[in-house]
Amino acid sequence: FDLLKTYVLFDPSKYLSTSNAMDQHSPPRGFTNPILPGWNPDPSCIFVPEWDNTFFCVTSSFMIFPGLPLYSSRDLVNWKLGCNILNRRRQVPEL
């Protein structure tokens, strides 16, 4: 799953800006790939307009604890780690 495809699928330019500065058919300029640094396999992303037009992505963590990192972004380029969904040992008693 390529986050760049997510950008085209959601077309955040209509949510984030009223100017025509960004061509709707080209990716944003000035970013590096992968957008989520480090080891972040199998991202699942969603756009939540009710939460200040924010995109959220959770990625697999397999056997790493804390697990399931949750990232947020408003432009699909600048991502911030919000939390790890699995952050207490009792959530994963097998570990």
C-alpha atoms as a PDB file:
ATOM      1  CA  PHE A   1       0.000   0.000   0.000  1.00  0.00           C
ATOM      2  CA  ASP A   2       1.532   3.256  -1.088  1.00  0.00           C
ATOM      3  CA  LEU A   3       0.707   6.404   0.883  1.00  0.00           C
ATOM      4  CA  LEU A   4       1.138   8.385  -2.306  1.00  0.00           C
ATOM      5  CA  LYS A   5      -1.862   6.505  -3.703  1.00  0.00           C
ATOM      6  CA  THR A   6      -3.771   7.530  -0.571  1.00  0.00           C
ATOM      7  CA  TYR A   7      -3.006  11.150  -1.438  1.00  0.00           C
ATOM      8  CA  VAL A   8      -4.555  10.777  -4.883  1.00  0.00           C
ATOM      9  CA  LEU A   9      -7.499   8.807  -3.517  1.00  0.00           C
ATOM     10  CA  PHE A  10      -8.438  11.398  -0.884  1.00  0.00           C
ATOM     11  CA  ASP A  11      -7.343  14.551  -2.786  1.00  0.00           C
ATOM     12  CA  PRO A  12      -6.731  16.601   0.388  1.00  0.00           C
ATOM     13  CA  SER A  13      -6.297  19.822  -1.591  1.00  0.00           C
ATOM     14  CA  LYS A  14     -10.064  20.309  -1.655  1.00  0.00           C
ATOM     15  CA  TYR A  15     -10.187  19.987   2.146  1.00  0.00           C
ATOM     16  CA  LEU A  16      -7.043  21.837   3.159  1.00  0.00           C
ATOM     17  CA  SER A  17      -6.822  24.810   0.834  1.00  0.00           C
ATOM     18  CA  THR A  18      -9.022  26.990  -1.306  1.00  0.00           C
ATOM     19  CA  SER A  19      -6.142  28.170  -3.499  1.00  0.00           C
ATOM     20  CA  ASN A  20      -5.154  26.533  -6.771  1.00  0.00           C
ATOM     21  CA  ALA A  21      -1.471  26.504  -5.806  1.00  0.00           C
ATOM     22  CA  MET A  22      -1.428  22.705  -5.803  1.00  0.00           C
ATOM     23  CA  ASP A  23      -2.162  20.800  -8.984  1.00  0.00           C
ATOM     24  CA  GLN A  24      -4.740  18.194  -8.028  1.00  0.00           C
ATOM     25  CA  HIS A  25      -3.126  15.577 -10.282  1.00  0.00           C
ATOM     26  CA  SER A  26       0.427  15.769  -8.986  1.00  0.00           C
ATOM     27  CA  PRO A  27       1.856  14.774  -5.599  1.00  0.00           C
ATOM     28  CA  PRO A  28       2.951  17.460  -3.158  1.00  0.00           C
ATOM     29  CA  ARG A  29       6.466  18.775  -3.638  1.00  0.00           C
ATOM     30  CA  GLY A  30       9.252  18.707  -1.074  1.00  0.00           C
ATOM     31  CA  PHE A  31       8.705  15.367   0.634  1.00  0.00           C
ATOM     32  CA  THR A  32      10.679  12.149   0.860  1.00  0.00           C
ATOM     33  CA  ASN A  33       9.438   8.632   0.548  1.00  0.00           C
ATOM     34  CA  PRO A  34       8.637   6.750   2.701  1.00  0.00           C
ATOM     35  CA  ILE A  35       6.538   9.443   4.322  1.00  0.00           C
ATOM     36  CA  LEU A  36       6.327   7.465   7.580  1.00  0.00           C
ATOM     37  CA  PRO A  37       9.984   6.955   8.566  1.00  0.00           C
ATOM     38  CA  GLY A  38      11.273   3.702   9.950  1.00  0.00           C
ATOM     39  CA  TRP A  39       9.553   0.341   9.826  1.00  0.00           C
ATOM     40  CA  ASN A  40       5.827   0.959   9.301  1.00  0.00           C
ATOM     41  CA  PRO A  41       4.348  -1.955   7.327  1.00  0.00           C
ATOM     42  CA  ASP A  42       0.735  -2.385   6.240  1.00  0.00           C
ATOM     43  CA  PRO A  43      -0.618   1.128   6.876  1.00  0.00           C
ATOM     44  CA  SER A  44      -4.377   1.548   7.155  1.00  0.00           C
ATOM     45  CA  CYS A  45      -5.430   5.148   6.689  1.00  0.00           C
ATOM     46  CA  ILE A  46      -8.635   7.114   7.012  1.00  0.00           C
ATOM     47  CA  PHE A  47      -9.654  10.752   6.526  1.00  0.00           C
ATOM     48  CA  VAL A  48     -11.760  12.267   9.332  1.00  0.00           C
ATOM     49  CA  PRO A  49     -13.192  15.652   8.287  1.00  0.00           C
ATOM     50  CA  GLU A  50     -14.936  16.062  11.656  1.00  0.00           C
ATOM     51  CA  TRP A  51     -11.583  16.011  13.436  1.00  0.00           C
ATOM     52  CA  ASP A  52     -10.129  19.164  11.874  1.00  0.00           C
ATOM     53  CA  ASN A  53      -9.680  17.513   8.432  1.00  0.00           C
ATOM     54  CA  THR A  54      -7.106  15.045   9.729  1.00  0.00           C
ATOM     55  CA  PHE A  55      -5.781  11.822   8.208  1.00  0.00           C
ATOM     56  CA  PHE A  56      -4.999   8.947  10.578  1.00  0.00           C
ATOM     57  CA  CYS A  57      -2.824   5.921   9.809  1.00  0.00           C
ATOM     58  CA  VAL A  58      -2.169   2.898  11.967  1.00  0.00           C
ATOM     59  CA  THR A  59       0.595   0.482  10.989  1.00  0.00           C
ATOM     60  CA  SER A  60       1.383  -3.108  11.896  1.00  0.00           C
ATOM     61  CA  SER A  61       3.901  -3.743  14.633  1.00  0.00           C
ATOM     62  CA  PHE A  62       3.750  -7.566  14.795  1.00  0.00           C
ATOM     63  CA  MET A  63       5.606  -8.641  17.966  1.00  0.00           C
ATOM     64  CA  ILE A  64       7.019  -5.232  18.872  1.00  0.00           C
ATOM     65  CA  PHE A  65       5.767  -3.619  22.070  1.00  0.00           C
ATOM     66  CA  PRO A  66       4.402  -0.995  22.452  1.00  0.00           C
ATOM     67  CA  GLY A  67       2.482  -1.766  19.287  1.00  0.00           C
ATOM     68  CA  LEU A  68       0.197  -0.436  16.583  1.00  0.00           C
ATOM     69  CA  PRO A  69       1.558   3.106  16.202  1.00  0.00           C
ATOM     70  CA  LEU A  70      -1.096   5.661  15.275  1.00  0.00           C
ATOM     71  CA  TYR A  71       0.001   8.648  13.161  1.00  0.00           C
ATOM     72  CA  SER A  72      -1.885  11.802  12.199  1.00  0.00           C
ATOM     73  CA  SER A  73      -1.459  14.357   9.421  1.00  0.00           C
ATOM     74  CA  ARG A  74      -3.398  17.176   7.811  1.00  0.00           C
ATOM     75  CA  ASP A  75      -1.471  17.177   4.521  1.00  0.00           C
ATOM     76  CA  LEU A  76      -0.300  13.543   4.031  1.00  0.00           C
ATOM     77  CA  VAL A  77       3.307  14.760   4.085  1.00  0.00           C
ATOM     78  CA  ASN A  78       3.971  15.799   7.690  1.00  0.00           C
ATOM     79  CA  TRP A  79       3.099  12.942  10.050  1.00  0.00           C
ATOM     80  CA  LYS A  80       3.094  12.956  13.846  1.00  0.00           C
ATOM     81  CA  LEU A  81       3.096   9.876  16.062  1.00  0.00           C
ATOM     82  CA  GLY A  82       0.112  10.275  18.356  1.00  0.00           C
ATOM     83  CA  CYS A  83       0.327   7.107  20.425  1.00  0.00           C
ATOM     84  CA  ASN A  84       0.694   3.361  20.361  1.00  0.00           C
ATOM     85  CA  ILE A  85      -2.669   1.642  20.588  1.00  0.00           C
ATOM     86  CA  LEU A  86      -1.182  -1.341  22.425  1.00  0.00           C
ATOM     87  CA  ASN A  87       0.655   0.407  25.243  1.00  0.00           C
ATOM     88  CA  ARG A  88      -0.094  -1.717  28.332  1.00  0.00           C
ATOM     89  CA  ARG A  89       1.219  -5.246  28.883  1.00  0.00           C
ATOM     90  CA  ARG A  90      -2.215  -6.540  29.917  1.00  0.00           C
ATOM     91  CA  GLN A  91      -3.471  -5.727  26.386  1.00  0.00           C
ATOM     92  CA  VAL A  92      -1.127  -8.419  25.027  1.00  0.00           C
ATOM     93  CA  PRO A  93      -0.895 -11.159  27.679  1.00  0.00           C
ATOM     94  CA  GLU A  94       0.933 -13.512  25.264  1.00  0.00           C
ATOM     95  CA  LEU A  95       4.080 -11.345  25.304  1.00  0.00           C
END
